[in-house]
Structures are given as structure tokens and as C-alpha cells.
Amino acid sequence: ALSSLEGELKGTYHTLGTMDKETQQRLIDDHFLFKEGD
């Protein structure tokens, strides 16, 4: 569904299972990504 978005909404989906830890932490620190552990 998201892959059909265009214009300023157009982007990329990143699955958590294949995302490296460094990228995960950077996105968490930037308030973009949720994290496990709540």
C-alpha cells in the first residue's frame, strides 16, 4: 500500500528484521523509530 504513494509522500520501507543495529539506533535517537522493550 505504501509503495503506491507519490510526491512528497514517496519513500522506502525498511523491515526491522534486516536492518543493522547501527541504523536502528540512529533512527531511534532521531525519534523516528520505535524500539522493543516497553
PDB file of all heavy atoms in Angstrom:
ATOM      1  N   ALA A   1       0.828  -1.206   0.000  1.00  0.00           N
ATOM      2  CA  ALA A   1       0.000   0.000   0.000  1.00  0.00           C
ATOM      3  C   ALA A   1       0.864   1.258   0.000  1.00  0.00           C
ATOM      4  O   ALA A   1       0.588   2.225  -0.721  1.00  0.00           O
ATOM      5  CB  ALA A   1      -0.927   0.001   1.205  1.00  0.00           C
ATOM      6  N   LEU A   2       1.936   1.241   0.769  1.00  0.00           N
ATOM      7  CA  LEU A   2       2.796   2.419   0.875  1.00  0.00           C
ATOM      8  C   LEU A   2       3.622   2.633  -0.397  1.00  0.00           C
ATOM      9  O   LEU A   2       3.985   3.765  -0.722  1.00  0.00           O
ATOM     10  CB  LEU A   2       3.725   2.271   2.081  1.00  0.00           C
ATOM     11  CG  LEU A   2       3.032   2.265   3.451  1.00  0.00           C
ATOM     12  CD1 LEU A   2       4.040   1.945   4.555  1.00  0.00           C
ATOM     13  CD2 LEU A   2       2.358   3.604   3.725  1.00  0.00           C
ATOM     14  N   SER A   3       3.912   1.563  -1.090  1.00  0.00           N
ATOM     15  CA  SER A   3       4.743   1.671  -2.299  1.00  0.00           C
ATOM     16  C   SER A   3       4.051   2.447  -3.415  1.00  0.00           C
ATOM     17  O   SER A   3       4.698   2.870  -4.372  1.00  0.00           O
ATOM     18  CB  SER A   3       5.130   0.281  -2.802  1.00  0.00           C
ATOM     19  OG  SER A   3       3.983  -0.425  -3.265  1.00  0.00           O
ATOM     20  N   SER A   4       2.745   2.648  -3.285  1.00  0.00           N
ATOM     21  CA  SER A   4       1.998   3.367  -4.323  1.00  0.00           C
ATOM     22  C   SER A   4       1.991   4.875  -4.089  1.00  0.00           C
ATOM     23  O   SER A   4       1.514   5.627  -4.941  1.00  0.00           O
ATOM     24  CB  SER A   4       0.552   2.854  -4.373  1.00  0.00           C
ATOM     25  OG  SER A   4      -0.142   3.188  -3.172  1.00  0.00           O
ATOM     26  N   LEU A   5       2.508   5.340  -2.960  1.00  0.00           N
ATOM     27  CA  LEU A   5       2.496   6.770  -2.651  1.00  0.00           C
ATOM     28  C   LEU A   5       3.463   7.526  -3.558  1.00  0.00           C
ATOM     29  O   LEU A   5       4.539   7.037  -3.880  1.00  0.00           O
ATOM     30  CB  LEU A   5       2.860   6.996  -1.181  1.00  0.00           C
ATOM     31  CG  LEU A   5       1.897   6.414  -0.146  1.00  0.00           C
ATOM     32  CD1 LEU A   5       2.418   6.648   1.266  1.00  0.00           C
ATOM     33  CD2 LEU A   5       0.500   7.014  -0.307  1.00  0.00           C
ATOM     34  N   GLU A   6       3.072   8.748  -3.914  1.00  0.00           N
ATOM     35  CA  GLU A   6       3.879   9.562  -4.817  1.00  0.00           C
ATOM     36  C   GLU A   6       4.136  10.935  -4.207  1.00  0.00           C
ATOM     37  O   GLU A   6       3.638  11.263  -3.132  1.00  0.00           O
ATOM     38  CB  GLU A   6       3.166   9.708  -6.170  1.00  0.00           C
ATOM     39  CG  GLU A   6       2.953   8.395  -6.927  1.00  0.00           C
ATOM     40  CD  GLU A   6       4.258   7.762  -7.405  1.00  0.00           C
ATOM     41  OE1 GLU A   6       5.276   8.486  -7.477  1.00  0.00           O
ATOM     42  OE2 GLU A   6       4.252   6.555  -7.695  1.00  0.00           O
ATOM     43  N   GLY A   7       4.899  11.762  -4.939  1.00  0.00           N
ATOM     44  CA  GLY A   7       5.170  13.121  -4.492  1.00  0.00           C
ATOM     45  C   GLY A   7       5.986  13.151  -3.223  1.00  0.00           C
ATOM     46  O   GLY A   7       6.889  12.325  -3.044  1.00  0.00           O
ATOM     47  N   GLU A   8       5.675  14.089  -2.316  1.00  0.00           N
ATOM     48  CA  GLU A   8       6.448  14.206  -1.084  1.00  0.00           C
ATOM     49  C   GLU A   8       6.270  13.009  -0.156  1.00  0.00           C
ATOM     50  O   GLU A   8       7.062  12.794   0.763  1.00  0.00           O
ATOM     51  CB  GLU A   8       6.091  15.488  -0.324  1.00  0.00           C
ATOM     52  CG  GLU A   8       4.709  15.495   0.295  1.00  0.00           C
ATOM     53  CD  GLU A   8       4.533  16.614   1.317  1.00  0.00           C
ATOM     54  OE1 GLU A   8       5.536  17.043   1.918  1.00  0.00           O
ATOM     55  OE2 GLU A   8       3.384  17.051   1.505  1.00  0.00           O
ATOM     56  N   LEU A   9       5.236  12.194  -0.392  1.00  0.00           N
ATOM     57  CA  LEU A   9       4.999  11.014   0.437  1.00  0.00           C
ATOM     58  C   LEU A   9       5.805   9.803  -0.027  1.00  0.00           C
ATOM     59  O   LEU A   9       5.916   8.819   0.699  1.00  0.00           O
ATOM     60  CB  LEU A   9       3.508  10.650   0.438  1.00  0.00           C
ATOM     61  CG  LEU A   9       2.538  11.708   0.970  1.00  0.00           C
ATOM     62  CD1 LEU A   9       1.110  11.215   0.818  1.00  0.00           C
ATOM     63  CD2 LEU A   9       2.847  12.043   2.432  1.00  0.00           C
ATOM     64  N   LYS A  10       6.347   9.863  -1.201  1.00  0.00           N
ATOM     65  CA  LYS A  10       7.088   8.724  -1.768  1.00  0.00           C
ATOM     66  C   LYS A  10       8.316   8.432  -0.909  1.00  0.00           C
ATOM     67  O   LYS A  10       9.065   9.325  -0.538  1.00  0.00           O
ATOM     68  CB  LYS A  10       7.526   9.031  -3.193  1.00  0.00           C
ATOM     69  CG  LYS A  10       8.194   7.859  -3.915  1.00  0.00           C
ATOM     70  CD  LYS A  10       8.528   8.229  -5.337  1.00  0.00           C
ATOM     71  CE  LYS A  10       9.217   7.083  -6.082  1.00  0.00           C
ATOM     72  NZ  LYS A  10       8.367   5.893  -6.180  1.00  0.00           N
ATOM     73  N   GLY A  11       8.507   7.152  -0.592  1.00  0.00           N
ATOM     74  CA  GLY A  11       9.633   6.784   0.251  1.00  0.00           C
ATOM     75  C   GLY A  11       9.988   5.320   0.133  1.00  0.00           C
ATOM     76  O   GLY A  11       9.663   4.670  -0.862  1.00  0.00           O
ATOM     77  N   THR A  12      10.611   4.798   1.169  1.00  0.00           N
ATOM     78  CA  THR A  12      11.102   3.419   1.163  1.00  0.00           C
ATOM     79  C   THR A  12      10.709   2.724   2.452  1.00  0.00           C
ATOM     80  O   THR A  12      10.772   3.323   3.536  1.00  0.00           O
ATOM     81  CB  THR A  12      12.634   3.391   1.026  1.00  0.00           C
ATOM     82  OG1 THR A  12      13.015   4.153  -0.124  1.00  0.00           O
ATOM     83  CG2 THR A  12      13.145   1.968   0.882  1.00  0.00           C
ATOM     84  N   TYR A  13      10.320   1.460   2.333  1.00  0.00           N
ATOM     85  CA  TYR A  13      10.000   0.651   3.512  1.00  0.00           C
ATOM     86  C   TYR A  13      11.229  -0.139   3.929  1.00  0.00           C
ATOM     87  O   TYR A  13      11.910  -0.738   3.099  1.00  0.00           O
ATOM     88  CB  TYR A  13       8.844  -0.307   3.215  1.00  0.00           C
ATOM     89  CG  TYR A  13       8.411  -1.088   4.437  1.00  0.00           C
ATOM     90  CD1 TYR A  13       7.513  -0.548   5.348  1.00  0.00           C
ATOM     91  CD2 TYR A  13       8.940  -2.352   4.699  1.00  0.00           C
ATOM     92  CE1 TYR A  13       7.131  -1.246   6.487  1.00  0.00           C
ATOM     93  CE2 TYR A  13       8.573  -3.061   5.834  1.00  0.00           C
ATOM     94  CZ  TYR A  13       7.669  -2.499   6.724  1.00  0.00           C
ATOM     95  OH  TYR A  13       7.295  -3.188   7.862  1.00  0.00           O
ATOM     96  N   HIS A  14      11.507  -0.148   5.234  1.00  0.00           N
ATOM     97  CA  HIS A  14      12.654  -0.873   5.779  1.00  0.00           C
ATOM     98  C   HIS A  14      12.145  -1.864   6.833  1.00  0.00           C
ATOM     99  O   HIS A  14      11.581  -1.460   7.855  1.00  0.00           O
ATOM    100  CB  HIS A  14      13.641   0.098   6.439  1.00  0.00           C
ATOM    101  CG  HIS A  14      14.085   1.215   5.546  1.00  0.00           C
ATOM    102  ND1 HIS A  14      15.237   1.157   4.793  1.00  0.00           N
ATOM    103  CD2 HIS A  14      13.508   2.417   5.277  1.00  0.00           C
ATOM    104  CE1 HIS A  14      15.366   2.288   4.102  1.00  0.00           C
ATOM    105  NE2 HIS A  14      14.334   3.065   4.376  1.00  0.00           N
ATOM    106  N   THR A  15      12.340  -3.148   6.568  1.00  0.00           N
ATOM    107  CA  THR A  15      11.895  -4.146   7.530  1.00  0.00           C
ATOM    108  C   THR A  15      12.905  -4.267   8.665  1.00  0.00           C
ATOM    109  O   THR A  15      14.127  -4.238   8.441  1.00  0.00           O
ATOM    110  CB  THR A  15      11.662  -5.512   6.854  1.00  0.00           C
ATOM    111  OG1 THR A  15      11.080  -6.410   7.797  1.00  0.00           O
ATOM    112  CG2 THR A  15      12.958  -6.105   6.310  1.00  0.00           C
ATOM    113  N   LEU A  16      12.424  -4.375   9.881  1.00  0.00           N
ATOM    114  CA  LEU A  16      13.293  -4.355  11.060  1.00  0.00           C
ATOM    115  C   LEU A  16      14.218  -5.572  11.100  1.00  0.00           C
ATOM    116  O   LEU A  16      15.346  -5.496  11.584  1.00  0.00           O
ATOM    117  CB  LEU A  16      12.429  -4.299  12.325  1.00  0.00           C
ATOM    118  CG  LEU A  16      13.010  -3.587  13.538  1.00  0.00           C
ATOM    119  CD1 LEU A  16      13.377  -2.157  13.206  1.00  0.00           C
ATOM    120  CD2 LEU A  16      12.005  -3.614  14.689  1.00  0.00           C
ATOM    121  N   GLY A  17      13.729  -6.691  10.578  1.00  0.00           N
ATOM    122  CA  GLY A  17      14.498  -7.923  10.644  1.00  0.00           C
ATOM    123  C   GLY A  17      15.814  -7.879   9.890  1.00  0.00           C
ATOM    124  O   GLY A  17      16.745  -8.618  10.222  1.00  0.00           O
ATOM    125  N   THR A  18      15.903  -7.020   8.870  1.00  0.00           N
ATOM    126  CA  THR A  18      17.131  -6.943   8.070  1.00  0.00           C
ATOM    127  C   THR A  18      17.896  -5.642   8.299  1.00  0.00           C
ATOM    128  O   THR A  18      18.914  -5.402   7.659  1.00  0.00           O
ATOM    129  CB  THR A  18      16.803  -7.066   6.569  1.00  0.00           C
ATOM    130  OG1 THR A  18      15.905  -6.022   6.195  1.00  0.00           O
ATOM    131  CG2 THR A  18      16.163  -8.418   6.270  1.00  0.00           C
ATOM    132  N   MET A  19      17.416  -4.811   9.209  1.00  0.00           N
ATOM    133  CA  MET A  19      18.074  -3.528   9.474  1.00  0.00           C
ATOM    134  C   MET A  19      19.227  -3.732  10.454  1.00  0.00           C
ATOM    135  O   MET A  19      19.075  -4.382  11.488  1.00  0.00           O
ATOM    136  CB  MET A  19      17.063  -2.530  10.065  1.00  0.00           C
ATOM    137  CG  MET A  19      17.604  -1.114  10.205  1.00  0.00           C
ATOM    138  SD  MET A  19      16.391  -0.010  10.998  1.00  0.00           S
ATOM    139  CE  MET A  19      15.082   0.000   9.754  1.00  0.00           C
ATOM    140  N   ASP A  20      20.416  -3.173  10.146  1.00  0.00           N
ATOM    141  CA  ASP A  20      21.549  -3.330  11.050  1.00  0.00           C
ATOM    142  C   ASP A  20      21.346  -2.506  12.323  1.00  0.00           C
ATOM    143  O   ASP A  20      20.611  -1.514  12.332  1.00  0.00           O
ATOM    144  CB  ASP A  20      22.853  -2.934  10.358  1.00  0.00           C
ATOM    145  CG  ASP A  20      22.889  -1.459   9.985  1.00  0.00           C
ATOM    146  OD1 ASP A  20      23.210  -0.628  10.843  1.00  0.00           O
ATOM    147  OD2 ASP A  20      22.577  -1.136   8.816  1.00  0.00           O
ATOM    148  N   LYS A  21      21.994  -2.911  13.400  1.00  0.00           N
ATOM    149  CA  LYS A  21      21.808  -2.299  14.713  1.00  0.00           C
ATOM    150  C   LYS A  21      22.183  -0.819  14.730  1.00  0.00           C
ATOM    151  O   LYS A  21      21.543  -0.006  15.416  1.00  0.00           O
ATOM    152  CB  LYS A  21      22.626  -3.052  15.766  1.00  0.00           C
ATOM    153  CG  LYS A  21      22.208  -4.496  15.970  1.00  0.00           C
ATOM    154  CD  LYS A  21      20.787  -4.576  16.504  1.00  0.00           C
ATOM    155  CE  LYS A  21      20.370  -6.029  16.751  1.00  0.00           C
ATOM    156  NZ  LYS A  21      18.965  -6.122  17.233  1.00  0.00           N
ATOM    157  N   GLU A  22      23.216  -0.463  13.992  1.00  0.00           N
ATOM    158  CA  GLU A  22      23.662   0.933  13.974  1.00  0.00           C
ATOM    159  C   GLU A  22      22.585   1.844  13.370  1.00  0.00           C
ATOM    160  O   GLU A  22      22.292   2.914  13.904  1.00  0.00           O
ATOM    161  CB  GLU A  22      24.959   1.050  13.171  1.00  0.00           C
ATOM    162  CG  GLU A  22      25.533   2.465  13.159  1.00  0.00           C
ATOM    163  CD  GLU A  22      26.834   2.546  12.378  1.00  0.00           C
ATOM    164  OE1 GLU A  22      27.508   1.500  12.220  1.00  0.00           O
ATOM    165  OE2 GLU A  22      27.176   3.649  11.938  1.00  0.00           O
ATOM    166  N   THR A  23      21.983   1.384  12.268  1.00  0.00           N
ATOM    167  CA  THR A  23      20.917   2.163  11.636  1.00  0.00           C
ATOM    168  C   THR A  23      19.701   2.251  12.549  1.00  0.00           C
ATOM    169  O   THR A  23      19.087   3.318  12.697  1.00  0.00           O
ATOM    170  CB  THR A  23      20.511   1.533  10.294  1.00  0.00           C
ATOM    171  OG1 THR A  23      21.658   1.481   9.439  1.00  0.00           O
ATOM    172  CG2 THR A  23      19.415   2.338   9.621  1.00  0.00           C
ATOM    173  N   GLN A  24      19.360   1.129  13.195  1.00  0.00           N
ATOM    174  CA  GLN A  24      18.244   1.124  14.133  1.00  0.00           C
ATOM    175  C   GLN A  24      18.436   2.160  15.226  1.00  0.00           C
ATOM    176  O   GLN A  24      17.537   2.959  15.519  1.00  0.00           O
ATOM    177  CB  GLN A  24      18.095  -0.258  14.775  1.00  0.00           C
ATOM    178  CG  GLN A  24      17.406  -1.287  13.922  1.00  0.00           C
ATOM    179  CD  GLN A  24      17.116  -2.559  14.699  1.00  0.00           C
ATOM    180  OE1 GLN A  24      16.678  -2.513  15.851  1.00  0.00           O
ATOM    181  NE2 GLN A  24      17.383  -3.701  14.086  1.00  0.00           N
ATOM    182  N   GLN A  25      19.609   2.152  15.843  1.00  0.00           N
ATOM    183  CA  GLN A  25      19.861   3.054  16.962  1.00  0.00           C
ATOM    184  C   GLN A  25      19.844   4.507  16.518  1.00  0.00           C
ATOM    185  O   GLN A  25      19.353   5.379  17.248  1.00  0.00           O
ATOM    186  CB  GLN A  25      21.199   2.721  17.634  1.00  0.00           C
ATOM    187  CG  GLN A  25      21.394   3.404  18.985  1.00  0.00           C
ATOM    188  CD  GLN A  25      20.280   3.080  19.964  1.00  0.00           C
ATOM    189  OE1 GLN A  25      19.953   1.919  20.202  1.00  0.00           O
ATOM    190  NE2 GLN A  25      19.676   4.119  20.531  1.00  0.00           N
ATOM    191  N   ARG A  26      20.371   4.777  15.325  1.00  0.00           N
ATOM    192  CA  ARG A  26      20.371   6.151  14.823  1.00  0.00           C
ATOM    193  C   ARG A  26      18.949   6.652  14.610  1.00  0.00           C
ATOM    194  O   ARG A  26      18.610   7.784  14.974  1.00  0.00           O
ATOM    195  CB  ARG A  26      21.160   6.240  13.510  1.00  0.00           C
ATOM    196  CG  ARG A  26      21.291   7.684  13.002  1.00  0.00           C
ATOM    197  CD  ARG A  26      22.159   7.789  11.766  1.00  0.00           C
ATOM    198  NE  ARG A  26      21.539   7.190  10.595  1.00  0.00           N
ATOM    199  CZ  ARG A  26      21.907   6.043  10.043  1.00  0.00           C
ATOM    200  NH1 ARG A  26      22.899   5.342  10.568  1.00  0.00           N
ATOM    201  NH2 ARG A  26      21.299   5.583   8.967  1.00  0.00           N
ATOM    202  N   LEU A  27      18.091   5.798  14.062  1.00  0.00           N
ATOM    203  CA  LEU A  27      16.697   6.179  13.846  1.00  0.00           C
ATOM    204  C   LEU A  27      15.953   6.348  15.170  1.00  0.00           C
ATOM    205  O   LEU A  27      15.092   7.223  15.298  1.00  0.00           O
ATOM    206  CB  LEU A  27      15.998   5.131  12.973  1.00  0.00           C
ATOM    207  CG  LEU A  27      16.444   5.072  11.514  1.00  0.00           C
ATOM    208  CD1 LEU A  27      15.823   3.869  10.816  1.00  0.00           C
ATOM    209  CD2 LEU A  27      16.078   6.359  10.779  1.00  0.00           C
ATOM    210  N   ILE A  28      16.282   5.532  16.158  1.00  0.00           N
ATOM    211  CA  ILE A  28      15.672   5.660  17.486  1.00  0.00           C
ATOM    212  C   ILE A  28      16.099   6.966  18.136  1.00  0.00           C
ATOM    213  O   ILE A  28      15.282   7.706  18.696  1.00  0.00           O
ATOM    214  CB  ILE A  28      16.052   4.456  18.373  1.00  0.00           C
ATOM    215  CG1 ILE A  28      15.350   3.181  17.882  1.00  0.00           C
ATOM    216  CG2 ILE A  28      15.682   4.725  19.840  1.00  0.00           C
ATOM    217  CD1 ILE A  28      15.856   1.904  18.527  1.00  0.00           C
ATOM    218  N   ASP A  29      17.400   7.274  18.055  1.00  0.00           N
ATOM    219  CA  ASP A  29      17.922   8.506  18.655  1.00  0.00           C
ATOM    220  C   ASP A  29      17.337   9.750  17.996  1.00  0.00           C
ATOM    221  O   ASP A  29      17.186  10.793  18.650  1.00  0.00           O
ATOM    222  CB  ASP A  29      19.452   8.544  18.546  1.00  0.00           C
ATOM    223  CG  ASP A  29      20.122   7.506  19.428  1.00  0.00           C
ATOM    224  OD1 ASP A  29      19.464   7.012  20.370  1.00  0.00           O
ATOM    225  OD2 ASP A  29      21.294   7.181  19.172  1.00  0.00           O
ATOM    226  N   ASP A  30      16.989   9.629  16.723  1.00  0.00           N
ATOM    227  CA  ASP A  30      16.400  10.756  15.996  1.00  0.00           C
ATOM    228  C   ASP A  30      14.883  10.833  16.176  1.00  0.00           C
ATOM    229  O   ASP A  30      14.221  11.652  15.533  1.00  0.00           O
ATOM    230  CB  ASP A  30      16.713  10.633  14.499  1.00  0.00           C
ATOM    231  CG  ASP A  30      18.181  10.902  14.193  1.00  0.00           C
ATOM    232  OD1 ASP A  30      18.855  11.515  15.038  1.00  0.00           O
ATOM    233  OD2 ASP A  30      18.644  10.488  13.114  1.00  0.00           O
ATOM    234  N   HIS A  31      14.338   9.973  17.063  1.00  0.00           N
ATOM    235  CA  HIS A  31      12.895   9.934  17.346  1.00  0.00           C
ATOM    236  C   HIS A  31      12.072   9.469  16.137  1.00  0.00           C
ATOM    237  O   HIS A  31      10.897   9.809  16.016  1.00  0.00           O
ATOM    238  CB  HIS A  31      12.377  11.301  17.819  1.00  0.00           C
ATOM    239  CG  HIS A  31      13.078  11.841  19.019  1.00  0.00           C
ATOM    240  ND1 HIS A  31      12.798  11.415  20.305  1.00  0.00           N
ATOM    241  CD2 HIS A  31      14.046  12.773  19.137  1.00  0.00           C
ATOM    242  CE1 HIS A  31      13.564  12.069  21.166  1.00  0.00           C
ATOM    243  NE2 HIS A  31      14.337  12.901  20.476  1.00  0.00           N
ATOM    244  N   PHE A  32      12.678   8.692  15.243  1.00  0.00           N
ATOM    245  CA  PHE A  32      11.960   8.188  14.078  1.00  0.00           C
ATOM    246  C   PHE A  32      11.435   6.773  14.295  1.00  0.00           C
ATOM    247  O   PHE A  32      10.367   6.429  13.809  1.00  0.00           O
ATOM    248  CB  PHE A  32      12.863   8.188  12.836  1.00  0.00           C
ATOM    249  CG  PHE A  32      13.203   9.567  12.331  1.00  0.00           C
ATOM    250  CD1 PHE A  32      14.504   9.891  11.993  1.00  0.00           C
ATOM    251  CD2 PHE A  32      12.228  10.523  12.206  1.00  0.00           C
ATOM    252  CE1 PHE A  32      14.817  11.159  11.526  1.00  0.00           C
ATOM    253  CE2 PHE A  32      12.527  11.798  11.745  1.00  0.00           C
ATOM    254  CZ  PHE A  32      13.832  12.111  11.407  1.00  0.00           C
ATOM    255  N   LEU A  33      12.190   5.947  14.982  1.00  0.00           N
ATOM    256  CA  LEU A  33      11.884   4.522  15.057  1.00  0.00           C
ATOM    257  C   LEU A  33      11.517   4.100  16.472  1.00  0.00           C
ATOM    258  O   LEU A  33      12.095   4.575  17.449  1.00  0.00           O
ATOM    259  CB  LEU A  33      13.094   3.712  14.568  1.00  0.00           C
ATOM    260  CG  LEU A  33      12.961   2.190  14.536  1.00  0.00           C
ATOM    261  CD1 LEU A  33      11.847   1.763  13.589  1.00  0.00           C
ATOM    262  CD2 LEU A  33      14.288   1.550  14.115  1.00  0.00           C
ATOM    263  N   PHE A  34      10.556   3.202  16.548  1.00  0.00           N
ATOM    264  CA  PHE A  34      10.184   2.596  17.822  1.00  0.00           C
ATOM    265  C   PHE A  34      11.220   1.545  18.204  1.00  0.00           C
ATOM    266  O   PHE A  34      12.043   1.136  17.382  1.00  0.00           O
ATOM    267  CB  PHE A  34       8.806   1.945  17.714  1.00  0.00           C
ATOM    268  CG  PHE A  34       8.686   0.935  16.603  1.00  0.00           C
ATOM    269  CD1 PHE A  34       8.982  -0.409  16.816  1.00  0.00           C
ATOM    270  CD2 PHE A  34       8.283   1.323  15.330  1.00  0.00           C
ATOM    271  CE1 PHE A  34       8.878  -1.341  15.806  1.00  0.00           C
ATOM    272  CE2 PHE A  34       8.167   0.392  14.297  1.00  0.00           C
ATOM    273  CZ  PHE A  34       8.467  -0.943  14.541  1.00  0.00           C
ATOM    274  N   LYS A  35      11.172   1.083  19.426  1.00  0.00           N
ATOM    275  CA  LYS A  35      12.111   0.053  19.856  1.00  0.00           C
ATOM    276  C   LYS A  35      11.412  -0.969  20.743  1.00  0.00           C
ATOM    277  O   LYS A  35      10.378  -0.691  21.342  1.00  0.00           O
ATOM    278  CB  LYS A  35      13.283   0.675  20.614  1.00  0.00           C
ATOM    279  CG  LYS A  35      12.886   1.455  21.852  1.00  0.00           C
ATOM    280  CD  LYS A  35      14.104   2.064  22.527  1.00  0.00           C
ATOM    281  CE  LYS A  35      13.702   2.887  23.762  1.00  0.00           C
ATOM    282  NZ  LYS A  35      14.886   3.471  24.427  1.00  0.00           N
ATOM    283  N   GLU A  36      12.002  -2.129  20.803  1.00  0.00           N
ATOM    284  CA  GLU A  36      11.491  -3.188  21.671  1.00  0.00           C
ATOM    285  C   GLU A  36      11.873  -2.876  23.108  1.00  0.00           C
ATOM    286  O   GLU A  36      12.846  -2.178  23.373  1.00  0.00           O
ATOM    287  CB  GLU A  36      12.098  -4.527  21.266  1.00  0.00           C
ATOM    288  CG  GLU A  36      11.539  -5.732  22.023  1.00  0.00           C
ATOM    289  CD  GLU A  36      12.238  -7.024  21.639  1.00  0.00           C
ATOM    290  OE1 GLU A  36      13.331  -6.950  21.047  1.00  0.00           O
ATOM    291  OE2 GLU A  36      11.695  -8.098  21.931  1.00  0.00           O
ATOM    292  N   GLY A  37      11.077  -3.384  24.050  1.00  0.00           N
ATOM    293  CA  GLY A  37      11.476  -3.253  25.432  1.00  0.00           C
ATOM    294  C   GLY A  37      10.513  -2.488  26.316  1.00  0.00           C
ATOM    295  O   GLY A  37      10.702  -2.442  27.533  1.00  0.00           O
ATOM    296  N   ASP A  38       9.477  -1.850  25.739  1.00  0.00           N
ATOM    297  CA  ASP A  38       8.488  -1.173  26.566  1.00  0.00           C
ATOM    298  C   ASP A  38       7.819  -2.189  27.484  1.00  0.00           C
ATOM    299  O   ASP A  38       7.198  -3.149  27.024  1.00  0.00           O
ATOM    300  CB  ASP A  38       7.445  -0.492  25.678  1.00  0.00           C
ATOM    301  CG  ASP A  38       6.405   0.274  26.466  1.00  0.00           C
ATOM    302  OD1 ASP A  38       5.492  -0.377  27.007  1.00  0.00           O
ATOM    303  OD2 ASP A  38       6.521   1.502  26.554  1.00  0.00           O
TER     304      ASP A  38
END
